[in-house]
Amino acid sequence: MSTYAATKHAVIGLSRSAAHDYGRSGLRINAIAPGLVDTEAVLAWKQGAPEGTQAYEAMTPLGRTGRPIEVAEAAAWLLSDRAGYLTGAVLAIDGGMTA
């Protein structure tokens, strides 16, 4: 877990630093931090070890894993003018796990 945590924090730090450095150039830089999402790998895990994903889902406030479209829609929102005053943020799309 230490390597995973270190790389996750590195991406967050780099995103925030870049947002600071390039904001006056008109660039908005944000990070997306997805939780467990129903990708092919996760779906295979669900089939092979359902008790593991059931335990994760039980801990998640929304009680389920995410859907790829939910991450994609959040990314589309970040790219839109609706998020025009947002930069340097980390958007957790994790069903409330980090709440």
Protein backbone atom coordinates (compact mmCIF):
# COMPACT_ATOMS: atom_id res chain seq x y z
CA MET A 1 0.00 0.00 0.00
CA SER A 2 2.88 2.42 0.63
CA THR A 3 3.86 2.53 -3.05
CA TYR A 4 0.24 3.01 -4.08
CA ALA A 5 -0.26 5.81 -1.55
CA ALA A 6 2.98 7.53 -2.53
CA THR A 7 2.16 7.53 -6.22
CA LYS A 8 -1.41 8.71 -5.56
CA HIS A 9 -0.09 11.63 -3.50
CA ALA A 10 2.50 12.40 -6.17
CA VAL A 11 -0.20 12.74 -8.82
CA ILE A 12 -2.25 14.98 -6.53
CA GLY A 13 0.77 17.16 -5.71
CA LEU A 14 1.78 17.44 -9.35
CA SER A 15 -1.78 18.36 -10.36
CA ARG A 16 -2.04 21.06 -7.71
CA SER A 17 1.40 22.46 -8.51
CA ALA A 18 0.62 22.55 -12.23
CA ALA A 19 -2.70 24.28 -11.52
CA HIS A 20 -0.79 26.96 -9.63
CA ASP A 21 1.94 27.29 -12.25
CA TYR A 22 -0.30 27.40 -15.33
CA GLY A 23 -3.53 28.98 -14.11
CA ARG A 24 -2.67 32.45 -15.45
CA SER A 25 -2.09 30.86 -18.85
CA GLY A 26 -5.74 29.83 -18.91
CA LEU A 27 -5.18 26.20 -18.05
CA ARG A 28 -7.32 24.49 -15.43
CA ILE A 29 -5.75 21.35 -14.02
CA ASN A 30 -7.65 18.98 -11.78
CA ALA A 31 -7.28 15.35 -10.77
CA ILE A 32 -9.82 12.57 -10.70
CA ALA A 33 -9.47 9.98 -7.93
CA PRO A 34 -11.81 7.12 -8.75
CA GLY A 35 -12.68 4.43 -6.30
CA LEU A 36 -13.44 0.89 -7.38
CA VAL A 37 -15.06 1.08 -10.82
CA ASP A 38 -16.58 -1.76 -12.85
CA THR A 39 -13.77 -2.09 -15.35
CA GLU A 40 -12.99 -5.43 -16.99
CA ALA A 41 -10.45 -6.20 -14.26
CA VAL A 42 -12.88 -5.38 -11.44
CA LEU A 43 -15.68 -7.37 -13.05
CA ALA A 44 -13.31 -10.36 -13.31
CA TRP A 45 -12.42 -9.89 -9.64
CA LYS A 46 -16.12 -9.81 -8.76
CA GLN A 47 -16.58 -13.14 -10.49
CA GLY A 48 -13.46 -14.73 -9.03
CA ALA A 49 -13.67 -13.38 -5.48
CA PRO A 50 -17.19 -12.07 -4.86
CA GLU A 51 -16.61 -11.89 -1.11
CA GLY A 52 -13.87 -9.29 -1.64
CA THR A 53 -16.00 -6.95 -3.71
CA GLN A 54 -19.02 -7.52 -1.47
CA ALA A 55 -16.93 -6.43 1.51
CA TYR A 56 -15.78 -3.31 -0.34
CA GLU A 57 -19.32 -2.46 -1.39
CA ALA A 58 -20.52 -2.92 2.19
CA MET A 59 -17.97 -0.29 3.35
CA THR A 60 -18.91 2.18 0.60
CA PRO A 61 -21.55 4.72 1.65
CA LEU A 62 -23.38 4.28 -1.68
CA GLY A 63 -23.15 0.50 -1.29
CA ARG A 64 -21.77 -0.37 -4.72
CA THR A 65 -18.87 -0.05 -7.09
CA GLY A 66 -18.87 2.76 -9.62
CA ARG A 67 -19.76 2.60 -13.28
CA PRO A 68 -17.31 3.80 -15.94
CA ILE A 69 -19.89 6.27 -17.29
CA GLU A 70 -19.99 7.98 -13.89
CA VAL A 71 -16.27 8.69 -14.06
CA ALA A 72 -16.57 9.78 -17.70
CA GLU A 73 -19.41 12.19 -16.92
CA ALA A 74 -17.40 13.76 -14.09
CA ALA A 75 -14.44 14.18 -16.44
CA ALA A 76 -16.71 15.78 -19.05
CA TRP A 77 -17.99 18.20 -16.41
CA LEU A 78 -14.42 19.13 -15.44
CA LEU A 79 -13.68 19.85 -19.10
CA SER A 80 -16.77 22.00 -19.51
CA ASP A 81 -17.27 25.68 -18.83
CA ARG A 82 -19.49 24.68 -15.90
CA ALA A 83 -16.29 23.93 -14.00
CA GLY A 84 -14.66 27.12 -15.27
CA TYR A 85 -13.55 28.38 -11.86
CA LEU A 86 -12.24 25.04 -10.61
CA THR A 87 -8.54 24.28 -10.70
CA GLY A 88 -6.16 22.42 -8.42
CA ALA A 89 -8.94 20.18 -7.13
CA VAL A 90 -9.07 16.46 -6.59
CA LEU A 91 -12.46 15.02 -7.46
CA ALA A 92 -13.02 11.78 -5.59
CA ILE A 93 -15.47 9.60 -7.51
CA ASP A 94 -15.56 6.82 -4.97
CA GLY A 95 -19.10 6.39 -3.70
CA GLY A 96 -18.24 8.31 -0.56
CA MET A 97 -15.31 6.16 0.60
CA THR A 98 -13.13 9.17 1.38
CA ALA A 99 -15.93 11.15 2.99
